[in-house]
Amino acid sequence: MLKQKNIFILFVGCCLGVLISTAGSVLADKETVPKEQDVSLPFDELRTFTEIFGRIKQDYVEPVSDKDLLESAIRGMLVGLDPHSSYLNTEEYKELKVGTTGRFGGLGIQVTMEDGFVKVISPIDDTPAQRAGIEAGDLIIKLDDLPVKGMTLTNAVKIMRGEVGSKIVLTVVRKGKDGPFNVTLVRDIIKVKSVRSRILEDGFGYLRISSFQSPTGEAVKEAVKELEKENGGPLEGLVLDLRNNPGGVLDGAVSVSDSFLNSGKIVYTEGRIKDSQMDFNATPGDLLNGAPIVVLINAGSASASEIVAGALQDHKRAIIMGSKSFGKGSVQTIMPTGNGGAVKITTARYFTPSGRSIQATGIEPDIELERLKLESLEASSFQPIKEADLSRHLTNGNGKKEDTADKSKSKVDGEKDKVEDPKGVDMRDYPLKEALNLLKGIAILR
């Protein structure tokens, strides 16, 4: 008993020494600590903490190392703050840096944790997850036969990554489905190309941004130049597709917004410390010279996507179309620690130019679209009666031959019509079709 008490006192002493040193350094930097902040040490809470630590060390069914206990305590501190703050040990920090290089083996989904399960923010374009039909909002409850409940997000991501060509079975719960279902995916090299573009119709361009990276702003400028070159002159309108874009680098979002604005505020951030209070303003120069823009968003559009949509909406530079966005209006900063790991911590909230906070509310579209699916119907054996079928009908006055052929026979039985226009635009994409129609209408009015 005496030995346990000595350990207890030693541990308290160590904790207090660390905390006192930290408090001293914080007090020395007055700009980082609000005057009203209470910097006194919580002795009662520290006493409870060390008591529980001692009980686990003595009474838990299996031995637990001090390192594991303290790391779990650190994780608990951060997880209890918000869904986006976390502790990364040395291995996890390396994994994070691998994920930001733009090339890695995995499934191609952006995820977060919700109620102990992995929630899909959005699938990445042209990846195994996107091709398999994984959708924003899906909850992943099992990875192969391993329940996700109780895992950390980092461990779940580590399992989902793996050797290229290997398979993994995700058990998914989706709103509107009666029960969980399995999706088998084959891991592949994930190459994150953030900007894609094409001409929809003469005069109208399409620009897809799948994520925001540091070079995204420059990539957008190059893409618009290529669209104008392919079009043979300036564009009459542009569809900017931010659907299922989970965000990324703040600077990338600012640069893209600046590309279509001549002046004014783009976004500003507010936090407790001076470094987290920033304003970002547009510089002169609009890539489209005022040509109309329709921005497509949905529930998978988050963070940096919402910055762009909010800035263009507040300045009335674009019409926002689709469904309400994800609602992540916070900024995370990654701070390396002395042990080779890092702390990812929320340091600020961001606001649109008009002062709106998107946190937990999202961007409301100017034109809301329901989720619809367009598909052609099977050819019917019943053919409606037409004028040419009526007995004693008048002949065509222009001398044109009557079309009496049974057109239903010209197709292979059961063949479906392609839902595609001459330019190759997939008209099954209902929001894109509506965005193009809106741009054409605006162009007529202009």
Protein backbone atom coordinates (compact mmCIF):
# COMPACT_ATOMS: atom_id res chain seq x y z
CA MET A 1 0.00 0.00 0.00
CA LEU A 2 2.88 2.33 0.87
CA LYS A 3 4.52 1.62 -2.50
CA GLN A 4 1.29 2.51 -4.32
CA LYS A 5 1.06 5.79 -2.40
CA ASN A 6 4.63 6.71 -3.37
CA ILE A 7 3.86 6.07 -7.04
CA PHE A 8 0.74 8.18 -6.69
CA ILE A 9 2.63 11.14 -5.21
CA LEU A 10 5.40 10.89 -7.80
CA PHE A 11 2.87 10.92 -10.64
CA VAL A 12 1.07 13.94 -9.20
CA GLY A 13 4.38 15.73 -8.91
CA CYS A 14 5.27 15.00 -12.53
CA CYS A 15 1.88 16.17 -13.74
CA LEU A 16 2.03 19.37 -11.76
CA GLY A 17 5.56 20.07 -12.99
CA VAL A 18 4.49 19.77 -16.61
CA LEU A 19 1.37 21.83 -16.10
CA ILE A 20 3.14 24.58 -14.20
CA SER A 21 5.75 24.84 -16.96
CA THR A 22 3.01 25.08 -19.55
CA ALA A 23 1.12 27.68 -17.59
CA GLY A 24 4.25 29.78 -17.27
CA SER A 25 4.89 29.75 -21.02
CA VAL A 26 1.28 30.66 -21.77
CA LEU A 27 1.31 33.57 -19.36
CA ALA A 28 4.47 34.89 -20.95
CA ASP A 29 2.67 35.22 -24.27
CA LYS A 30 -0.11 37.56 -23.29
CA GLU A 31 -1.58 37.80 -26.78
CA THR A 32 -2.54 34.11 -26.76
CA VAL A 33 -4.39 34.12 -23.44
CA PRO A 34 -7.57 36.17 -22.93
CA LYS A 35 -7.48 38.23 -19.75
CA GLU A 36 -10.60 36.57 -18.40
CA GLN A 37 -9.15 33.05 -18.73
CA ASP A 38 -8.67 31.22 -15.46
CA VAL A 39 -5.10 29.81 -15.44
CA SER A 40 -5.27 28.31 -11.94
CA LEU A 41 -4.55 24.58 -11.80
CA PRO A 42 -7.57 22.25 -11.35
CA PHE A 43 -6.18 20.34 -8.33
CA ASP A 44 -9.38 18.40 -7.58
CA GLU A 45 -9.69 17.17 -11.16
CA LEU A 46 -5.99 16.25 -11.31
CA ARG A 47 -6.38 14.31 -8.06
CA THR A 48 -9.30 12.37 -9.57
CA PHE A 49 -7.33 11.73 -12.74
CA THR A 50 -4.33 10.30 -10.89
CA GLU A 51 -6.58 8.23 -8.63
CA ILE A 52 -8.22 6.59 -11.66
CA PHE A 53 -4.82 6.12 -13.29
CA GLY A 54 -3.62 4.28 -10.17
CA ARG A 55 -6.72 2.09 -10.00
CA ILE A 56 -6.34 1.04 -13.65
CA LYS A 57 -2.66 0.22 -13.10
CA GLN A 58 -3.48 -1.92 -10.05
CA ASP A 59 -6.89 -3.47 -10.73
CA TYR A 60 -7.44 -3.72 -14.50
CA VAL A 61 -7.76 -7.33 -15.71
CA GLU A 62 -4.60 -7.05 -17.84
CA PRO A 63 -1.43 -5.00 -17.46
CA VAL A 64 -1.53 -1.64 -19.25
CA SER A 65 1.57 0.43 -20.01
CA ASP A 66 1.85 4.02 -18.82
CA LYS A 67 2.42 5.11 -22.42
CA ASP A 68 -0.86 3.57 -23.62
CA LEU A 69 -2.84 5.03 -20.72
CA LEU A 70 -1.47 8.52 -21.18
CA GLU A 71 -1.94 8.44 -24.96
CA SER A 72 -5.55 7.35 -24.45
CA ALA A 73 -6.04 10.22 -22.01
CA ILE A 74 -4.66 12.69 -24.56
CA ARG A 75 -6.94 11.28 -27.26
CA GLY A 76 -9.89 11.57 -24.91
CA MET A 77 -9.17 15.24 -24.26
CA LEU A 78 -9.25 16.04 -27.97
CA VAL A 79 -12.10 13.75 -29.00
CA GLY A 80 -14.26 15.36 -26.34
CA LEU A 81 -13.85 18.79 -27.95
CA ASP A 82 -15.38 18.31 -31.42
CA PRO A 83 -15.43 15.72 -34.25
CA HIS A 84 -12.45 17.29 -36.07
CA SER A 85 -9.86 17.60 -33.28
CA SER A 86 -7.60 14.61 -32.68
CA TYR A 87 -4.18 13.39 -31.56
CA LEU A 88 -1.86 11.75 -34.09
CA ASN A 89 0.99 9.58 -32.87
CA THR A 90 4.16 9.27 -34.97
CA GLU A 91 2.77 6.57 -37.27
CA GLU A 92 -0.59 8.30 -37.71
CA TYR A 93 1.09 11.61 -38.50
CA LYS A 94 3.13 9.90 -41.23
CA GLU A 95 -0.09 8.41 -42.62
CA LEU A 96 -1.66 11.86 -42.71
CA LYS A 97 1.29 13.26 -44.65
CA VAL A 98 1.08 10.35 -47.10
CA GLY A 99 -2.60 11.17 -47.64
CA THR A 100 -1.80 14.76 -48.59
CA THR A 101 0.73 13.86 -51.29
CA GLY A 102 -2.05 13.25 -53.81
CA ARG A 103 -1.12 9.58 -54.47
CA PHE A 104 -1.75 6.62 -52.16
CA GLY A 105 -3.34 3.16 -52.06
CA GLY A 106 -6.90 3.06 -50.79
CA LEU A 107 -10.61 3.36 -51.53
CA GLY A 108 -11.06 7.06 -52.27
CA ILE A 109 -13.45 8.32 -49.61
CA GLN A 110 -13.35 11.30 -47.27
CA VAL A 111 -14.67 10.26 -43.86
CA THR A 112 -15.35 11.46 -40.34
CA MET A 113 -16.64 9.80 -37.15
CA GLU A 114 -20.27 10.07 -36.05
CA ASP A 115 -21.76 8.22 -33.07
CA GLY A 116 -18.87 5.78 -33.13
CA PHE A 117 -19.26 4.88 -36.81
CA VAL A 118 -17.37 6.02 -39.90
CA LYS A 119 -19.48 8.52 -41.86
CA VAL A 120 -18.75 9.24 -45.50
CA ILE A 121 -18.39 12.96 -46.23
CA SER A 122 -17.93 12.24 -49.92
CA PRO A 123 -16.37 9.80 -52.37
CA ILE A 124 -13.46 11.10 -54.45
CA ASP A 125 -13.97 11.24 -58.22
CA ASP A 126 -12.82 8.26 -60.29
CA THR A 127 -11.93 6.03 -57.33
CA PRO A 128 -13.10 2.55 -56.21
CA ALA A 129 -15.56 4.09 -53.73
CA GLN A 130 -17.15 6.39 -56.31
CA ARG A 131 -17.37 3.63 -58.92
CA ALA A 132 -18.97 1.25 -56.39
CA GLY A 133 -21.73 3.74 -55.60
CA ILE A 134 -20.65 4.88 -52.11
CA GLU A 135 -22.59 8.06 -51.32
CA ALA A 136 -22.19 11.07 -49.04
CA GLY A 137 -23.92 10.37 -45.73
CA ASP A 138 -23.36 6.60 -45.77
CA LEU A 139 -22.45 5.09 -42.38
CA ILE A 140 -19.83 2.32 -42.46
CA ILE A 141 -20.47 -0.07 -39.57
CA LYS A 142 -18.09 -2.91 -40.49
CA LEU A 143 -14.76 -3.24 -42.29
CA ASP A 144 -14.63 -6.85 -43.51
CA ASP A 145 -15.74 -8.64 -40.34
CA LEU A 146 -14.46 -5.99 -37.94
CA PRO A 147 -17.09 -3.78 -36.24
CA VAL A 148 -16.20 -0.09 -36.52
CA LYS A 149 -17.76 0.75 -33.15
CA GLY A 150 -14.93 1.41 -30.71
CA MET A 151 -12.28 2.11 -33.38
CA THR A 152 -10.57 5.45 -33.75
CA LEU A 153 -10.97 7.17 -37.10
CA THR A 154 -7.25 6.79 -37.73
CA ASN A 155 -7.40 3.01 -37.19
CA ALA A 156 -10.42 2.72 -39.48
CA VAL A 157 -8.65 4.69 -42.22
CA LYS A 158 -5.56 2.52 -41.79
CA ILE A 159 -7.65 -0.63 -42.35
CA MET A 160 -9.31 0.85 -45.43
CA ARG A 161 -5.94 1.66 -46.93
CA GLY A 162 -3.85 -1.28 -48.04
CA GLU A 163 -2.12 -3.10 -50.84
CA VAL A 164 -3.29 -2.10 -54.30
CA GLY A 165 -5.49 -4.84 -55.80
CA SER A 166 -6.62 -6.24 -52.44
CA LYS A 167 -10.32 -6.40 -51.59
CA ILE A 168 -12.30 -5.10 -48.63
CA VAL A 169 -15.99 -5.48 -47.81
CA LEU A 170 -17.74 -2.46 -46.29
CA THR A 171 -21.02 -2.95 -44.43
CA VAL A 172 -23.00 0.22 -45.08
CA VAL A 173 -26.13 1.77 -43.60
CA ARG A 174 -27.86 4.27 -45.89
CA LYS A 175 -30.85 6.49 -45.27
CA GLY A 176 -33.83 5.17 -47.20
CA LYS A 177 -32.54 1.59 -47.28
CA ASP A 178 -34.31 -1.06 -45.20
CA GLY A 179 -31.14 -2.45 -43.65
CA PRO A 180 -27.34 -2.70 -43.87
CA PHE A 181 -25.81 -3.94 -47.12
CA ASN A 182 -22.32 -5.00 -48.20
CA VAL A 183 -20.16 -3.31 -50.81
CA THR A 184 -16.98 -5.00 -52.06
CA LEU A 185 -14.21 -2.65 -53.18
CA VAL A 186 -10.80 -3.30 -54.69
CA ARG A 187 -8.09 -0.97 -53.41
CA ASP A 188 -6.37 1.14 -56.04
CA ILE A 189 -3.82 3.91 -56.34
CA ILE A 190 -5.69 7.09 -55.46
CA LYS A 191 -4.53 9.98 -57.62
CA VAL A 192 -6.24 13.15 -56.55
CA LYS A 193 -6.77 15.38 -59.58
CA SER A 194 -8.71 18.30 -58.20
CA VAL A 195 -9.89 20.04 -61.43
CA ARG A 196 -11.62 18.65 -64.52
CA SER A 197 -13.39 20.57 -67.29
CA ARG A 198 -15.25 20.19 -70.57
CA ILE A 199 -17.58 22.07 -72.94
CA LEU A 200 -21.25 21.20 -72.36
CA GLU A 201 -22.64 23.05 -75.38
CA ASP A 202 -21.36 25.84 -77.59
CA GLY A 203 -20.58 28.73 -75.25
CA PHE A 204 -21.15 26.87 -71.98
CA GLY A 205 -18.41 25.28 -69.92
CA TYR A 206 -18.30 22.79 -67.05
CA LEU A 207 -15.70 22.95 -64.28
CA ARG A 208 -15.51 20.20 -61.67
CA ILE A 209 -13.45 20.69 -58.48
CA SER A 210 -13.26 17.46 -56.45
CA SER A 211 -11.06 18.83 -53.63
CA PHE A 212 -9.11 21.97 -52.75
CA GLN A 213 -5.33 21.78 -52.79
CA SER A 214 -2.73 24.53 -52.86
CA PRO A 215 -2.43 24.49 -56.69
CA THR A 216 -6.21 24.36 -57.29
CA GLY A 217 -6.51 28.09 -57.98
CA GLU A 218 -3.93 27.96 -60.75
CA ALA A 219 -5.48 24.79 -62.14
CA VAL A 220 -8.86 26.57 -62.39
CA LYS A 221 -7.29 29.44 -64.35
CA GLU A 222 -5.66 27.00 -66.78
CA ALA A 223 -8.92 25.08 -67.16
CA VAL A 224 -10.91 28.22 -68.01
CA LYS A 225 -8.30 29.18 -70.64
CA GLU A 226 -8.59 25.71 -72.19
CA LEU A 227 -12.39 25.94 -72.20
CA GLU A 228 -12.27 29.31 -73.98
CA LYS A 229 -9.78 27.92 -76.48
CA GLU A 230 -11.99 24.91 -77.18
CA ASN A 231 -15.06 27.15 -77.40
CA GLY A 232 -13.35 29.49 -79.82
CA GLY A 233 -13.97 32.55 -77.68
CA PRO A 234 -15.22 33.74 -74.26
CA LEU A 235 -17.75 31.55 -72.43
CA GLU A 236 -21.38 32.61 -72.13
CA GLY A 237 -21.73 30.75 -68.85
CA LEU A 238 -20.07 28.23 -66.54
CA VAL A 239 -21.29 25.39 -64.32
CA LEU A 240 -19.00 25.10 -61.27
CA ASP A 241 -19.55 21.64 -59.78
CA LEU A 242 -18.67 21.38 -56.07
CA ARG A 243 -20.86 18.37 -55.31
CA ASN A 244 -19.25 15.82 -52.99
CA ASN A 245 -16.23 18.10 -52.57
CA PRO A 246 -15.13 17.58 -48.93
CA GLY A 247 -12.95 20.71 -48.84
CA GLY A 248 -9.22 20.90 -48.32
CA VAL A 249 -6.77 23.78 -48.15
CA LEU A 250 -8.22 27.18 -47.21
CA ASP A 251 -5.84 29.02 -49.56
CA GLY A 252 -7.13 26.95 -52.47
CA ALA A 253 -10.73 27.99 -51.74
CA VAL A 254 -9.74 31.65 -51.48
CA SER A 255 -7.82 31.49 -54.78
CA VAL A 256 -10.77 29.91 -56.63
CA SER A 257 -13.22 32.48 -55.23
CA ASP A 258 -10.84 35.29 -56.19
CA SER A 259 -10.78 34.01 -59.77
CA PHE A 260 -14.42 35.05 -60.25
CA LEU A 261 -14.58 38.19 -58.06
CA ASN A 262 -13.24 41.69 -58.73
CA SER A 263 -13.34 43.02 -55.19
CA GLY A 264 -14.73 42.55 -51.70
CA LYS A 265 -14.27 40.11 -48.85
CA ILE A 266 -14.07 36.40 -49.62
CA VAL A 267 -14.04 34.89 -46.13
CA TYR A 268 -12.85 35.77 -42.64
CA THR A 269 -11.99 33.64 -39.62
CA GLU A 270 -12.37 34.26 -35.91
CA GLY A 271 -10.73 32.41 -33.03
CA ARG A 272 -9.31 32.96 -29.56
CA ILE A 273 -5.72 33.63 -30.58
CA LYS A 274 -4.52 36.49 -32.76
CA ASP A 275 -3.13 34.20 -35.50
CA SER A 276 -6.58 32.68 -36.08
CA GLN A 277 -8.19 36.04 -36.92
CA MET A 278 -7.75 36.53 -40.66
CA ASP A 279 -9.46 38.38 -43.52
CA PHE A 280 -9.21 37.32 -47.16
CA ASN A 281 -10.14 39.82 -49.88
CA ALA A 282 -10.53 39.55 -53.66
CA THR A 283 -8.14 41.22 -56.08
CA PRO A 284 -9.21 42.82 -59.40
CA GLY A 285 -9.78 40.44 -62.29
CA ASP A 286 -12.68 38.09 -63.14
CA LEU A 287 -11.75 35.12 -65.36
CA LEU A 288 -15.19 35.13 -66.98
CA ASN A 289 -15.62 38.91 -67.25
CA GLY A 290 -19.00 38.74 -65.55
CA ALA A 291 -20.43 35.76 -67.46
CA PRO A 292 -23.01 33.93 -65.31
CA ILE A 293 -22.05 31.04 -63.03
CA VAL A 294 -24.19 28.28 -61.57
CA VAL A 295 -22.60 26.47 -58.61
CA LEU A 296 -23.78 22.93 -57.88
CA ILE A 297 -23.63 21.77 -54.24
CA ASN A 298 -25.06 18.90 -52.18
CA ALA A 299 -24.77 17.33 -48.73
CA GLY A 300 -21.23 16.19 -49.57
CA SER A 301 -19.99 19.74 -50.21
CA ALA A 302 -18.06 20.76 -47.11
CA SER A 303 -15.59 23.23 -45.65
CA ALA A 304 -13.61 24.90 -48.47
CA SER A 305 -16.45 24.13 -50.91
CA GLU A 306 -18.79 26.07 -48.65
CA ILE A 307 -16.36 28.99 -48.52
CA VAL A 308 -16.46 29.28 -52.34
CA ALA A 309 -20.24 28.81 -52.57
CA GLY A 310 -20.85 31.28 -49.72
CA ALA A 311 -18.55 33.97 -51.16
CA LEU A 312 -20.05 33.78 -54.67
CA GLN A 313 -23.56 33.72 -53.22
CA ASP A 314 -23.04 36.73 -50.93
CA HIS A 315 -21.57 38.78 -53.77
CA LYS A 316 -24.44 37.67 -56.06
CA ARG A 317 -21.80 36.47 -58.49
CA ALA A 318 -23.31 33.01 -58.89
CA ILE A 319 -26.58 31.15 -58.46
CA ILE A 320 -26.24 28.26 -56.00
CA MET A 321 -28.22 25.18 -57.05
CA GLY A 322 -28.72 21.76 -55.47
CA SER A 323 -29.25 20.75 -51.85
CA LYS A 324 -28.01 22.10 -48.51
CA SER A 325 -24.28 21.61 -47.96
CA PHE A 326 -22.56 19.66 -45.15
CA GLY A 327 -22.11 22.54 -42.70
CA LYS A 328 -18.45 22.40 -41.61
CA GLY A 329 -17.54 25.97 -40.78
CA SER A 330 -14.41 25.42 -38.70
CA VAL A 331 -10.67 25.60 -39.35
CA GLN A 332 -8.22 22.94 -38.12
CA THR A 333 -4.52 23.51 -37.52
CA ILE A 334 -2.00 20.66 -37.37
CA MET A 335 0.68 21.28 -34.75
CA PRO A 336 3.65 18.86 -34.58
CA THR A 337 4.58 17.67 -31.09
CA GLY A 338 7.99 16.93 -29.62
CA ASN A 339 7.53 13.13 -29.83
CA GLY A 340 7.16 13.11 -33.62
CA GLY A 341 3.37 13.12 -33.55
CA ALA A 342 0.95 16.00 -33.97
CA VAL A 343 -2.19 17.58 -32.61
CA LYS A 344 -4.97 18.47 -35.04
CA ILE A 345 -7.07 21.06 -33.26
CA THR A 346 -9.90 23.37 -34.23
CA THR A 347 -8.59 26.92 -33.96
CA ALA A 348 -11.21 29.12 -35.64
CA ARG A 349 -14.63 29.46 -37.25
CA TYR A 350 -14.96 30.94 -40.70
CA PHE A 351 -17.65 33.34 -41.91
CA THR A 352 -18.94 34.32 -45.35
CA PRO A 353 -18.58 37.97 -46.50
CA SER A 354 -22.01 38.87 -45.08
CA GLY A 355 -21.09 37.43 -41.66
CA ARG A 356 -22.85 34.07 -41.93
CA SER A 357 -21.41 31.15 -39.99
CA ILE A 358 -21.89 27.92 -41.91
CA GLN A 359 -21.08 25.75 -38.89
CA ALA A 360 -23.77 23.06 -38.50
CA THR A 361 -26.15 24.97 -40.80
CA GLY A 362 -24.56 24.74 -44.26
CA ILE A 363 -25.16 26.78 -47.40
CA GLU A 364 -28.78 27.04 -48.47
CA PRO A 365 -29.03 26.86 -52.28
CA ASP A 366 -30.81 29.65 -54.16
CA ILE A 367 -32.57 26.94 -56.18
CA GLU A 368 -33.17 23.69 -54.34
CA LEU A 369 -33.32 20.46 -56.31
CA GLU A 370 -34.76 17.18 -55.12
CA ARG A 371 -32.77 14.01 -55.66
CA LEU A 372 -34.20 12.55 -58.88
CA LYS A 373 -33.09 9.85 -61.25
CA LEU A 374 -33.79 10.12 -64.97
CA GLU A 375 -34.01 6.89 -66.94
CA SER A 376 -35.67 5.74 -70.12
CA LEU A 377 -38.60 3.31 -70.02
CA GLU A 378 -38.64 -0.10 -71.64
CA ALA A 379 -40.20 -0.08 -75.13
CA SER A 380 -43.89 -0.92 -74.88
CA SER A 381 -45.52 -3.45 -77.19
CA PHE A 382 -48.57 -1.16 -77.33
CA GLN A 383 -48.25 1.65 -79.86
CA PRO A 384 -50.52 4.70 -79.52
CA ILE A 385 -52.90 5.43 -82.42
CA LYS A 386 -51.81 8.30 -84.67
CA GLU A 387 -53.45 10.25 -87.51
CA ALA A 388 -51.77 8.04 -90.10
CA ASP A 389 -53.52 5.00 -88.59
CA LEU A 390 -57.03 6.38 -89.11
CA SER A 391 -58.93 5.16 -92.16
CA ARG A 392 -59.47 7.73 -94.92
CA HIS A 393 -56.96 10.16 -93.35
CA LEU A 394 -55.82 13.10 -95.44
CA THR A 395 -52.50 12.79 -97.19
CA ASN A 396 -49.61 15.14 -96.45
CA GLY A 397 -50.11 18.39 -98.37
CA ASN A 398 -46.38 18.91 -98.93
CA GLY A 399 -45.98 15.64 -100.70
CA LYS A 400 -43.99 14.03 -97.86
CA LYS A 401 -44.17 10.29 -97.56
CA GLU A 402 -46.08 8.96 -94.61
CA ASP A 403 -44.01 7.25 -91.96
CA THR A 404 -45.91 4.00 -91.49
CA ALA A 405 -42.98 1.91 -90.25
CA ASP A 406 -43.32 0.39 -86.80
CA LYS A 407 -40.46 2.14 -85.03
CA SER A 408 -40.64 -0.22 -82.08
CA LYS A 409 -39.30 -2.96 -84.39
CA SER A 410 -36.15 -1.00 -85.19
CA LYS A 411 -34.70 -1.63 -81.74
CA VAL A 412 -33.52 -4.82 -80.21
CA ASP A 413 -36.26 -6.00 -77.85
CA GLY A 414 -35.76 -4.41 -74.41
CA GLU A 415 -33.04 -1.97 -75.53
CA LYS A 416 -33.14 1.34 -73.64
CA ASP A 417 -32.77 4.79 -75.10
CA LYS A 418 -29.53 6.53 -74.30
CA VAL A 419 -30.12 9.62 -72.22
CA GLU A 420 -27.43 11.73 -73.82
CA ASP A 421 -27.28 14.85 -75.94
CA PRO A 422 -25.11 15.27 -79.07
CA LYS A 423 -22.27 16.85 -77.05
CA GLY A 424 -22.00 13.81 -74.79
CA VAL A 425 -23.54 15.43 -71.68
CA ASP A 426 -25.01 12.74 -69.46
CA MET A 427 -28.57 14.00 -69.11
CA ARG A 428 -29.22 11.48 -66.35
CA ASP A 429 -27.35 14.02 -64.20
CA TYR A 430 -30.48 15.99 -63.39
CA PRO A 431 -28.80 18.87 -61.46
CA LEU A 432 -26.26 19.40 -64.26
CA LYS A 433 -29.05 19.42 -66.86
CA GLU A 434 -30.98 22.02 -64.85
CA ALA A 435 -27.86 24.14 -64.32
CA LEU A 436 -27.19 24.19 -68.06
CA ASN A 437 -30.82 25.11 -68.80
CA LEU A 438 -30.60 27.98 -66.29
CA LEU A 439 -27.39 29.31 -67.85
CA LYS A 440 -28.96 29.22 -71.32
CA GLY A 441 -31.97 31.13 -70.00
CA ILE A 442 -29.74 33.80 -68.42
CA ALA A 443 -27.76 34.08 -71.66
CA ILE A 444 -30.99 34.72 -73.60
CA LEU A 445 -32.00 37.46 -71.14
CA ARG A 446 -28.55 39.06 -71.36
